[in-house]
Amino acid sequence: MPSYRARLQIGDVLPGHRPEEVLDTAEAAIGATHEVAAKDVEVVARVPRIVLRFTVPAAHRGAEDAEAAAVAGRMAEAVAAVATVGRLDVLRREGGRWLPVSAR
């Protein structure tokens, strides 16, 4: 099964929400339809981002990438209900590297 990473920049937590809800919401959004393999919070150039690794069922590459992009998009929408969000990157595992998924 192909492995993907969704990286989402996070800004301020919205009023009435706790910081831990950000990662919990992201995991629940992906976990509703796909297996979450790992999750983390990173800070890159002083910008926090959440990173979730998940798998999609094997098909052909175009379908796999499109499904991963849709899953990551739903995650970003869900997180936007609890925090401001920024850039979303979707990456696919190729050998020992993570490569960006092209927009379709």
PDB file of N, CA and C in Angstrom:
ATOM      1  N   MET A   1       0.851  -1.177   0.000  1.00  0.00           N
ATOM      2  CA  MET A   1       0.000   0.000   0.000  1.00  0.00           C
ATOM      3  C   MET A   1       0.895   1.238   0.000  1.00  0.00           C
ATOM      4  N   PRO A   2       0.636   2.171  -0.899  1.00  0.00           N
ATOM      5  CA  PRO A   2       1.448   3.380  -0.966  1.00  0.00           C
ATOM      6  C   PRO A   2       1.305   4.228   0.304  1.00  0.00           C
ATOM      7  N   SER A   3       2.403   4.852   0.683  1.00  0.00           N
ATOM      8  CA  SER A   3       2.455   5.666   1.890  1.00  0.00           C
ATOM      9  C   SER A   3       2.559   7.145   1.515  1.00  0.00           C
ATOM     10  N   TYR A   4       1.809   7.964   2.225  1.00  0.00           N
ATOM     11  CA  TYR A   4       1.761   9.408   1.970  1.00  0.00           C
ATOM     12  C   TYR A   4       1.942  10.178   3.262  1.00  0.00           C
ATOM     13  N   ARG A   5       2.378  11.427   3.110  1.00  0.00           N
ATOM     14  CA  ARG A   5       2.445  12.380   4.219  1.00  0.00           C
ATOM     15  C   ARG A   5       1.629  13.602   3.843  1.00  0.00           C
ATOM     16  N   ALA A   6       0.848  14.069   4.794  1.00  0.00           N
ATOM     17  CA  ALA A   6       0.161  15.350   4.655  1.00  0.00           C
ATOM     18  C   ALA A   6       0.807  16.291   5.660  1.00  0.00           C
ATOM     19  N   ARG A   7       1.343  17.418   5.165  1.00  0.00           N
ATOM     20  CA  ARG A   7       1.958  18.430   6.034  1.00  0.00           C
ATOM     21  C   ARG A   7       1.125  19.695   5.927  1.00  0.00           C
ATOM     22  N   LEU A   8       0.658  20.184   7.057  1.00  0.00           N
ATOM     23  CA  LEU A   8      -0.225  21.343   7.084  1.00  0.00           C
ATOM     24  C   LEU A   8       0.307  22.385   8.057  1.00  0.00           C
ATOM     25  N   GLN A   9       0.541  23.605   7.542  1.00  0.00           N
ATOM     26  CA  GLN A   9       0.970  24.694   8.418  1.00  0.00           C
ATOM     27  C   GLN A   9      -0.196  25.128   9.292  1.00  0.00           C
ATOM     28  N   ILE A  10       0.114  25.413  10.553  1.00  0.00           N
ATOM     29  CA  ILE A  10      -0.904  25.786  11.526  1.00  0.00           C
ATOM     30  C   ILE A  10      -0.590  27.165  12.082  1.00  0.00           C
ATOM     31  N   GLY A  11      -1.626  27.994  12.183  1.00  0.00           N
ATOM     32  CA  GLY A  11      -1.489  29.308  12.809  1.00  0.00           C
ATOM     33  C   GLY A  11      -2.090  29.269  14.202  1.00  0.00           C
ATOM     34  N   ASP A  12      -2.904  30.237  14.503  1.00  0.00           N
ATOM     35  CA  ASP A  12      -3.520  30.344  15.823  1.00  0.00           C
ATOM     36  C   ASP A  12      -4.664  29.345  15.995  1.00  0.00           C
ATOM     37  N   VAL A  13      -4.797  28.859  17.212  1.00  0.00           N
ATOM     38  CA  VAL A  13      -5.949  28.025  17.562  1.00  0.00           C
ATOM     39  C   VAL A  13      -7.146  28.955  17.722  1.00  0.00           C
ATOM     40  N   LEU A  14      -8.267  28.572  17.175  1.00  0.00           N
ATOM     41  CA  LEU A  14      -9.466  29.416  17.229  1.00  0.00           C
ATOM     42  C   LEU A  14     -10.048  29.450  18.638  1.00  0.00           C
ATOM     43  N   PRO A  15     -10.733  30.546  18.979  1.00  0.00           N
ATOM     44  CA  PRO A  15     -11.333  30.658  20.314  1.00  0.00           C
ATOM     45  C   PRO A  15     -12.239  29.465  20.621  1.00  0.00           C
ATOM     46  N   GLY A  16     -12.149  28.992  21.851  1.00  0.00           N
ATOM     47  CA  GLY A  16     -12.969  27.874  22.291  1.00  0.00           C
ATOM     48  C   GLY A  16     -12.350  26.511  22.024  1.00  0.00           C
ATOM     49  N   HIS A  17     -11.154  26.484  21.458  1.00  0.00           N
ATOM     50  CA  HIS A  17     -10.477  25.223  21.151  1.00  0.00           C
ATOM     51  C   HIS A  17      -9.134  25.163  21.858  1.00  0.00           C
ATOM     52  N   ARG A  18      -8.676  23.946  22.117  1.00  0.00           N
ATOM     53  CA  ARG A  18      -7.383  23.716  22.776  1.00  0.00           C
ATOM     54  C   ARG A  18      -6.342  23.324  21.731  1.00  0.00           C
ATOM     55  N   PRO A  19      -5.082  23.627  21.961  1.00  0.00           N
ATOM     56  CA  PRO A  19      -4.037  23.283  20.994  1.00  0.00           C
ATOM     57  C   PRO A  19      -4.005  21.797  20.618  1.00  0.00           C
ATOM     58  N   GLU A  20      -4.239  20.908  21.570  1.00  0.00           N
ATOM     59  CA  GLU A  20      -4.178  19.480  21.269  1.00  0.00           C
ATOM     60  C   GLU A  20      -5.295  19.024  20.321  1.00  0.00           C
ATOM     61  N   GLU A  21      -6.341  19.837  20.195  1.00  0.00           N
ATOM     62  CA  GLU A  21      -7.428  19.495  19.271  1.00  0.00           C
ATOM     63  C   GLU A  21      -6.976  19.516  17.815  1.00  0.00           C
ATOM     64  N   VAL A  22      -5.938  20.286  17.515  1.00  0.00           N
ATOM     65  CA  VAL A  22      -5.482  20.399  16.132  1.00  0.00           C
ATOM     66  C   VAL A  22      -5.046  19.038  15.608  1.00  0.00           C
ATOM     67  N   LEU A  23      -4.121  18.404  16.289  1.00  0.00           N
ATOM     68  CA  LEU A  23      -3.630  17.099  15.845  1.00  0.00           C
ATOM     69  C   LEU A  23      -4.707  16.025  15.979  1.00  0.00           C
ATOM     70  N   ASP A  24      -5.500  16.095  17.052  1.00  0.00           N
ATOM     71  CA  ASP A  24      -6.588  15.126  17.229  1.00  0.00           C
ATOM     72  C   ASP A  24      -7.604  15.210  16.081  1.00  0.00           C
ATOM     73  N   THR A  25      -7.930  16.430  15.677  1.00  0.00           N
ATOM     74  CA  THR A  25      -8.884  16.635  14.587  1.00  0.00           C
ATOM     75  C   THR A  25      -8.324  16.107  13.276  1.00  0.00           C
ATOM     76  N   ALA A  26      -7.052  16.389  13.023  1.00  0.00           N
ATOM     77  CA  ALA A  26      -6.412  15.899  11.797  1.00  0.00           C
ATOM     78  C   ALA A  26      -6.399  14.381  11.757  1.00  0.00           C
ATOM     79  N   GLU A  27      -6.038  13.767  12.869  1.00  0.00           N
ATOM     80  CA  GLU A  27      -5.991  12.303  12.918  1.00  0.00           C
ATOM     81  C   GLU A  27      -7.380  11.702  12.721  1.00  0.00           C
ATOM     82  N   ALA A  28      -8.391  12.301  13.336  1.00  0.00           N
ATOM     83  CA  ALA A  28      -9.756  11.786  13.184  1.00  0.00           C
ATOM     84  C   ALA A  28     -10.235  11.920  11.738  1.00  0.00           C
ATOM     85  N   ALA A  29      -9.891  13.017  11.087  1.00  0.00           N
ATOM     86  CA  ALA A  29     -10.328  13.228   9.704  1.00  0.00           C
ATOM     87  C   ALA A  29      -9.723  12.182   8.767  1.00  0.00           C
ATOM     88  N   ILE A  30      -8.445  11.912   8.921  1.00  0.00           N
ATOM     89  CA  ILE A  30      -7.816  10.901   8.073  1.00  0.00           C
ATOM     90  C   ILE A  30      -8.240   9.508   8.512  1.00  0.00           C
ATOM     91  N   GLY A  31      -8.244   9.273   9.821  1.00  0.00           N
ATOM     92  CA  GLY A  31      -8.564   7.957  10.361  1.00  0.00           C
ATOM     93  C   GLY A  31      -9.978   7.487  10.076  1.00  0.00           C
ATOM     94  N   ALA A  32     -10.861   8.401   9.713  1.00  0.00           N
ATOM     95  CA  ALA A  32     -12.236   8.008   9.385  1.00  0.00           C
ATOM     96  C   ALA A  32     -12.284   7.112   8.149  1.00  0.00           C
ATOM     97  N   THR A  33     -11.295   7.254   7.260  1.00  0.00           N
ATOM     98  CA  THR A  33     -11.324   6.488   6.014  1.00  0.00           C
ATOM     99  C   THR A  33     -10.021   5.751   5.700  1.00  0.00           C
ATOM    100  N   HIS A  34      -8.929   6.140   6.355  1.00  0.00           N
ATOM    101  CA  HIS A  34      -7.623   5.569   6.038  1.00  0.00           C
ATOM    102  C   HIS A  34      -6.835   5.311   7.316  1.00  0.00           C
ATOM    103  N   GLU A  35      -5.872   4.410   7.218  1.00  0.00           N
ATOM    104  CA  GLU A  35      -5.038   4.100   8.374  1.00  0.00           C
ATOM    105  C   GLU A  35      -3.962   5.169   8.560  1.00  0.00           C
ATOM    106  N   VAL A  36      -3.918   5.741   9.762  1.00  0.00           N
ATOM    107  CA  VAL A  36      -2.878   6.710  10.112  1.00  0.00           C
ATOM    108  C   VAL A  36      -1.698   5.924  10.663  1.00  0.00           C
ATOM    109  N   ALA A  37      -0.532   6.069  10.022  1.00  0.00           N
ATOM    110  CA  ALA A  37       0.658   5.315  10.427  1.00  0.00           C
ATOM    111  C   ALA A  37       1.517   6.084  11.426  1.00  0.00           C
ATOM    112  N   ALA A  38       1.490   7.412  11.364  1.00  0.00           N
ATOM    113  CA  ALA A  38       2.298   8.231  12.277  1.00  0.00           C
ATOM    114  C   ALA A  38       1.752   9.654  12.272  1.00  0.00           C
ATOM    115  N   LYS A  39       2.064  10.376  13.337  1.00  0.00           N
ATOM    116  CA  LYS A  39       1.658  11.784  13.430  1.00  0.00           C
ATOM    117  C   LYS A  39       2.715  12.531  14.229  1.00  0.00           C
ATOM    118  N   ASP A  40       2.868  13.818  13.918  1.00  0.00           N
ATOM    119  CA  ASP A  40       3.889  14.611  14.585  1.00  0.00           C
ATOM    120  C   ASP A  40       3.565  16.093  14.410  1.00  0.00           C
ATOM    121  N   VAL A  41       4.203  16.900  15.245  1.00  0.00           N
ATOM    122  CA  VAL A  41       4.162  18.348  15.115  1.00  0.00           C
ATOM    123  C   VAL A  41       5.596  18.805  14.922  1.00  0.00           C
ATOM    124  N   GLU A  42       5.824  19.639  13.908  1.00  0.00           N
ATOM    125  CA  GLU A  42       7.152  20.172  13.610  1.00  0.00           C
ATOM    126  C   GLU A  42       7.082  21.697  13.618  1.00  0.00           C
ATOM    127  N   VAL A  43       8.233  22.313  13.805  1.00  0.00           N
ATOM    128  CA  VAL A  43       8.346  23.754  13.632  1.00  0.00           C
ATOM    129  C   VAL A  43       9.471  23.977  12.637  1.00  0.00           C
ATOM    130  N   VAL A  44       9.134  24.573  11.496  1.00  0.00           N
ATOM    131  CA  VAL A  44      10.106  24.837  10.441  1.00  0.00           C
ATOM    132  C   VAL A  44      10.083  26.335  10.159  1.00  0.00           C
ATOM    133  N   ALA A  45      11.238  26.971  10.319  1.00  0.00           N
ATOM    134  CA  ALA A  45      11.349  28.425  10.129  1.00  0.00           C
ATOM    135  C   ALA A  45      10.310  29.159  10.980  1.00  0.00           C
ATOM    136  N   ARG A  46      10.159  28.709  12.209  1.00  0.00           N
ATOM    137  CA  ARG A  46       9.250  29.303  13.207  1.00  0.00           C
ATOM    138  C   ARG A  46       7.770  29.130  12.881  1.00  0.00           C
ATOM    139  N   VAL A  47       7.466  28.265  11.933  1.00  0.00           N
ATOM    140  CA  VAL A  47       6.072  28.003  11.566  1.00  0.00           C
ATOM    141  C   VAL A  47       5.731  26.572  11.961  1.00  0.00           C
ATOM    142  N   PRO A  48       4.754  26.413  12.868  1.00  0.00           N
ATOM    143  CA  PRO A  48       4.361  25.049  13.243  1.00  0.00           C
ATOM    144  C   PRO A  48       3.567  24.379  12.129  1.00  0.00           C
ATOM    145  N   ARG A  49       3.742  23.075  12.030  1.00  0.00           N
ATOM    146  CA  ARG A  49       2.946  22.298  11.085  1.00  0.00           C
ATOM    147  C   ARG A  49       2.734  20.899  11.653  1.00  0.00           C
ATOM    148  N   ILE A  50       1.604  20.338  11.284  1.00  0.00           N
ATOM    149  CA  ILE A  50       1.327  18.964  11.652  1.00  0.00           C
ATOM    150  C   ILE A  50       1.681  18.085  10.466  1.00  0.00           C
ATOM    151  N   VAL A  51       2.129  16.878  10.781  1.00  0.00           N
ATOM    152  CA  VAL A  51       2.510  15.927   9.743  1.00  0.00           C
ATOM    153  C   VAL A  51       1.855  14.599  10.080  1.00  0.00           C
ATOM    154  N   LEU A  52       1.055  14.096   9.166  1.00  0.00           N
ATOM    155  CA  LEU A  52       0.422  12.796   9.355  1.00  0.00           C
ATOM    156  C   LEU A  52       0.785  11.893   8.190  1.00  0.00           C
ATOM    157  N   ARG A  53       1.190  10.684   8.528  1.00  0.00           N
ATOM    158  CA  ARG A  53       1.522   9.684   7.512  1.00  0.00           C
ATOM    159  C   ARG A  53       0.363   8.699   7.450  1.00  0.00           C
ATOM    160  N   PHE A  54      -0.051   8.364   6.223  1.00  0.00           N
ATOM    161  CA  PHE A  54      -1.177   7.450   6.052  1.00  0.00           C
ATOM    162  C   PHE A  54      -0.977   6.640   4.780  1.00  0.00           C
ATOM    163  N   THR A  55      -1.742   5.592   4.640  1.00  0.00           N
ATOM    164  CA  THR A  55      -1.668   4.739   3.458  1.00  0.00           C
ATOM    165  C   THR A  55      -2.984   4.792   2.694  1.00  0.00           C
ATOM    166  N   VAL A  56      -2.890   4.484   1.409  1.00  0.00           N
ATOM    167  CA  VAL A  56      -4.081   4.336   0.571  1.00  0.00           C
ATOM    168  C   VAL A  56      -4.022   2.969  -0.089  1.00  0.00           C
ATOM    169  N   PRO A  57      -5.157   2.391  -0.424  1.00  0.00           N
ATOM    170  CA  PRO A  57      -5.146   1.091  -1.093  1.00  0.00           C
ATOM    171  C   PRO A  57      -4.419   1.177  -2.443  1.00  0.00           C
ATOM    172  N   ALA A  58      -3.719   0.120  -2.764  1.00  0.00           N
ATOM    173  CA  ALA A  58      -2.984   0.070  -4.026  1.00  0.00           C
ATOM    174  C   ALA A  58      -3.953   0.053  -5.207  1.00  0.00           C
ATOM    175  N   ALA A  59      -3.642   0.864  -6.202  1.00  0.00           N
ATOM    176  CA  ALA A  59      -4.393   0.933  -7.461  1.00  0.00           C
ATOM    177  C   ALA A  59      -3.358   1.328  -8.511  1.00  0.00           C
ATOM    178  N   HIS A  60      -3.693   2.254  -9.370  1.00  0.00           N
ATOM    179  CA  HIS A  60      -2.655   2.811 -10.250  1.00  0.00           C
ATOM    180  C   HIS A  60      -2.249   4.165  -9.685  1.00  0.00           C
ATOM    181  N   ARG A  61      -1.061   4.593 -10.021  1.00  0.00           N
ATOM    182  CA  ARG A  61      -0.459   5.767  -9.385  1.00  0.00           C
ATOM    183  C   ARG A  61      -1.362   7.001  -9.406  1.00  0.00           C
ATOM    184  N   GLY A  62      -1.972   7.288 -10.523  1.00  0.00           N
ATOM    185  CA  GLY A  62      -2.828   8.463 -10.614  1.00  0.00           C
ATOM    186  C   GLY A  62      -3.981   8.418  -9.623  1.00  0.00           C
ATOM    187  N   ALA A  63      -4.610   7.268  -9.504  1.00  0.00           N
ATOM    188  CA  ALA A  63      -5.729   7.112  -8.573  1.00  0.00           C
ATOM    189  C   ALA A  63      -5.251   7.202  -7.124  1.00  0.00           C
ATOM    190  N   GLU A  64      -4.106   6.601  -6.842  1.00  0.00           N
ATOM    191  CA  GLU A  64      -3.548   6.650  -5.482  1.00  0.00           C
ATOM    192  C   GLU A  64      -3.241   8.087  -5.080  1.00  0.00           C
ATOM    193  N   ASP A  65      -2.561   8.818  -5.971  1.00  0.00           N
ATOM    194  CA  ASP A  65      -2.199  10.205  -5.671  1.00  0.00           C
ATOM    195  C   ASP A  65      -3.436  11.085  -5.516  1.00  0.00           C
ATOM    196  N   ALA A  66      -4.435  10.870  -6.371  1.00  0.00           N
ATOM    197  CA  ALA A  66      -5.667  11.659  -6.286  1.00  0.00           C
ATOM    198  C   ALA A  66      -6.396  11.384  -4.974  1.00  0.00           C
ATOM    199  N   GLU A  67      -6.434  10.120  -4.568  1.00  0.00           N
ATOM    200  CA  GLU A  67      -7.081   9.777  -3.305  1.00  0.00           C
ATOM    201  C   GLU A  67      -6.342  10.407  -2.133  1.00  0.00           C
ATOM    202  N   ALA A  68      -5.010  10.342  -2.155  1.00  0.00           N
ATOM    203  CA  ALA A  68      -4.212  10.935  -1.073  1.00  0.00           C
ATOM    204  C   ALA A  68      -4.435  12.441  -0.994  1.00  0.00           C
ATOM    205  N   ALA A  69      -4.482  13.110  -2.138  1.00  0.00           N
ATOM    206  CA  ALA A  69      -4.717  14.554  -2.153  1.00  0.00           C
ATOM    207  C   ALA A  69      -6.101  14.888  -1.598  1.00  0.00           C
ATOM    208  N   ALA A  70      -7.095  14.085  -1.940  1.00  0.00           N
ATOM    209  CA  ALA A  70      -8.453  14.312  -1.432  1.00  0.00           C
ATOM    210  C   ALA A  70      -8.508  14.097   0.080  1.00  0.00           C
ATOM    211  N   VAL A  71      -7.858  13.061   0.568  1.00  0.00           N
ATOM    212  CA  VAL A  71      -7.823  12.783   2.014  1.00  0.00           C
ATOM    213  C   VAL A  71      -7.159  13.944   2.748  1.00  0.00           C
ATOM    214  N   ALA A  72      -6.034  14.406   2.222  1.00  0.00           N
ATOM    215  CA  ALA A  72      -5.318  15.522   2.853  1.00  0.00           C
ATOM    216  C   ALA A  72      -6.167  16.792   2.820  1.00  0.00           C
ATOM    217  N   GLY A  73      -6.882  17.008   1.743  1.00  0.00           N
ATOM    218  CA  GLY A  73      -7.763  18.170   1.658  1.00  0.00           C
ATOM    219  C   GLY A  73      -8.872  18.140   2.690  1.00  0.00           C
ATOM    220  N   ARG A  74      -9.464  16.965   2.875  1.00  0.00           N
ATOM    221  CA  ARG A  74     -10.507  16.825   3.909  1.00  0.00           C
ATOM    222  C   ARG A  74      -9.924  17.069   5.297  1.00  0.00           C
ATOM    223  N   MET A  75      -8.691  16.607   5.524  1.00  0.00           N
ATOM    224  CA  MET A  75      -8.029  16.843   6.804  1.00  0.00           C
ATOM    225  C   MET A  75      -7.853  18.338   7.031  1.00  0.00           C
ATOM    226  N   ALA A  76      -7.372  19.056   6.016  1.00  0.00           N
ATOM    227  CA  ALA A  76      -7.158  20.495   6.145  1.00  0.00           C
ATOM    228  C   ALA A  76      -8.468  21.228   6.434  1.00  0.00           C
ATOM    229  N   GLU A  77      -9.537  20.828   5.771  1.00  0.00           N
ATOM    230  CA  GLU A  77     -10.849  21.436   6.026  1.00  0.00           C
ATOM    231  C   GLU A  77     -11.291  21.209   7.460  1.00  0.00           C
ATOM    232  N   ALA A  78     -11.091  20.002   7.966  1.00  0.00           N
ATOM    233  CA  ALA A  78     -11.475  19.695   9.344  1.00  0.00           C
ATOM    234  C   ALA A  78     -10.655  20.514  10.336  1.00  0.00           C
ATOM    235  N   VAL A  79      -9.359  20.609  10.098  1.00  0.00           N
ATOM    236  CA  VAL A  79      -8.488  21.362  11.011  1.00  0.00           C
ATOM    237  C   VAL A  79      -8.833  22.845  10.987  1.00  0.00           C
ATOM    238  N   ALA A  80      -9.276  23.358   9.847  1.00  0.00           N
ATOM    239  CA  ALA A  80      -9.641  24.774   9.732  1.00  0.00           C
ATOM    240  C   ALA A  80     -10.797  25.148  10.659  1.00  0.00           C
ATOM    241  N   ALA A  81     -11.518  24.168  11.173  1.00  0.00           N
ATOM    242  CA  ALA A  81     -12.603  24.436  12.125  1.00  0.00           C
ATOM    243  C   ALA A  81     -12.070  24.695  13.533  1.00  0.00           C
ATOM    244  N   VAL A  82     -10.794  24.352  13.788  1.00  0.00           N
ATOM    245  CA  VAL A  82     -10.232  24.545  15.135  1.00  0.00           C
ATOM    246  C   VAL A  82      -9.009  25.453  15.152  1.00  0.00           C
ATOM    247  N   ALA A  83      -8.412  25.735  13.981  1.00  0.00           N
ATOM    248  CA  ALA A  83      -7.221  26.585  13.921  1.00  0.00           C
ATOM    249  C   ALA A  83      -7.099  27.201  12.529  1.00  0.00           C
ATOM    250  N   THR A  84      -6.356  28.289  12.457  1.00  0.00           N
ATOM    251  CA  THR A  84      -6.061  28.830  11.143  1.00  0.00           C
ATOM    252  C   THR A  84      -5.039  27.911  10.484  1.00  0.00           C
ATOM    253  N   VAL A  85      -5.182  27.727   9.190  1.00  0.00           N
ATOM    254  CA  VAL A  85      -4.291  26.815   8.472  1.00  0.00           C
ATOM    255  C   VAL A  85      -3.602  27.555   7.340  1.00  0.00           C
ATOM    256  N   GLY A  86      -2.461  27.022   6.948  1.00  0.00           N
ATOM    257  CA  GLY A  86      -1.704  27.585   5.837  1.00  0.00           C
ATOM    258  C   GLY A  86      -1.494  26.539   4.770  1.00  0.00           C
ATOM    259  N   ARG A  87      -0.281  26.479   4.291  1.00  0.00           N
ATOM    260  CA  ARG A  87       0.068  25.611   3.174  1.00  0.00           C
ATOM    261  C   ARG A  87      -0.102  24.128   3.511  1.00  0.00           C
ATOM    262  N   LEU A  88      -0.657  23.395   2.560  1.00  0.00           N
ATOM    263  CA  LEU A  88      -0.809  21.948   2.664  1.00  0.00           C
ATOM    264  C   LEU A  88       0.078  21.307   1.608  1.00  0.00           C
ATOM    265  N   ASP A  89       0.947  20.394   2.031  1.00  0.00           N
ATOM    266  CA  ASP A  89       1.776  19.620   1.119  1.00  0.00           C
ATOM    267  C   ASP A  89       1.402  18.152   1.255  1.00  0.00           C
ATOM    268  N   VAL A  90       1.324  17.466   0.124  1.00  0.00           N
ATOM    269  CA  VAL A  90       1.074  16.025   0.117  1.00  0.00           C
ATOM    270  C   VAL A  90       2.286  15.377  -0.548  1.00  0.00           C
ATOM    271  N   LEU A  91       2.883  14.416   0.136  1.00  0.00           N
ATOM    272  CA  LEU A  91       4.098  13.757  -0.331  1.00  0.00           C
ATOM    273  C   LEU A  91       3.887  12.256  -0.403  1.00  0.00           C
ATOM    274  N   ARG A  92       4.512  11.627  -1.387  1.00  0.00           N
ATOM    275  CA  ARG A  92       4.426  10.178  -1.570  1.00  0.00           C
ATOM    276  C   ARG A  92       5.802   9.568  -1.329  1.00  0.00           C
ATOM    277  N   ARG A  93       5.817   8.438  -0.650  1.00  0.00           N
ATOM    278  CA  ARG A  93       7.067   7.730  -0.390  1.00  0.00           C
ATOM    279  C   ARG A  93       7.504   6.994  -1.655  1.00  0.00           C
ATOM    280  N   GLU A  94       8.711   7.306  -2.118  1.00  0.00           N
ATOM    281  CA  GLU A  94       9.306   6.657  -3.283  1.00  0.00           C
ATOM    282  C   GLU A  94      10.687   6.180  -2.865  1.00  0.00           C
ATOM    283  N   GLY A  95      10.849   4.888  -2.675  1.00  0.00           N
ATOM    284  CA  GLY A  95      12.136   4.391  -2.188  1.00  0.00           C
ATOM    285  C   GLY A  95      12.412   4.990  -0.815  1.00  0.00           C
ATOM    286  N   GLY A  96      13.509   5.679  -0.678  1.00  0.00           N
ATOM    287  CA  GLY A  96      13.847   6.305   0.603  1.00  0.00           C
ATOM    288  C   GLY A  96      13.545   7.783   0.652  1.00  0.00           C
ATOM    289  N   ARG A  97      12.764   8.303  -0.314  1.00  0.00           N
ATOM    290  CA  ARG A  97      12.505   9.732  -0.367  1.00  0.00           C
ATOM    291  C   ARG A  97      11.004  10.021  -0.346  1.00  0.00           C
ATOM    292  N   TRP A  98      10.687  11.257   0.065  1.00  0.00           N
ATOM    293  CA  TRP A  98       9.320  11.760   0.016  1.00  0.00           C
ATOM    294  C   TRP A  98       9.235  12.750  -1.128  1.00  0.00           C
ATOM    295  N   LEU A  99       8.380  12.474  -2.111  1.00  0.00           N
ATOM    296  CA  LEU A  99       8.261  13.323  -3.291  1.00  0.00           C
ATOM    297  C   LEU A  99       6.876  13.977  -3.320  1.00  0.00           C
ATOM    298  N   PRO A 100       6.817  15.247  -3.743  1.00  0.00           N
ATOM    299  CA  PRO A 100       5.503  15.929  -3.802  1.00  0.00           C
ATOM    300  C   PRO A 100       4.556  15.243  -4.766  1.00  0.00           C
ATOM    301  N   VAL A 101       3.296  15.219  -4.398  1.00  0.00           N
ATOM    302  CA  VAL A 101       2.242  14.695  -5.262  1.00  0.00           C
ATOM    303  C   VAL A 101       1.808  15.838  -6.163  1.00  0.00           C
ATOM    304  N   SER A 102       1.787  15.610  -7.446  1.00  0.00           N
ATOM    305  CA  SER A 102       1.372  16.638  -8.400  1.00  0.00           C
ATOM    306  C   SER A 102      -0.122  16.866  -8.307  1.00  0.00           C
ATOM    307  N   ALA A 103      -0.508  18.126  -8.447  1.00  0.00           N
ATOM    308  CA  ALA A 103      -1.938  18.452  -8.462  1.00  0.00           C
ATOM    309  C   ALA A 103      -2.542  17.916  -9.760  1.00  0.00           C
ATOM    310  N   ARG A 104      -3.694  17.336  -9.687  1.00  0.00           N
ATOM    311  CA  ARG A 104      -4.346  16.757 -10.869  1.00  0.00           C
ATOM    312  C   ARG A 104      -5.557  17.573 -11.238  1.00  0.00           C
TER     313      ARG A 104
END
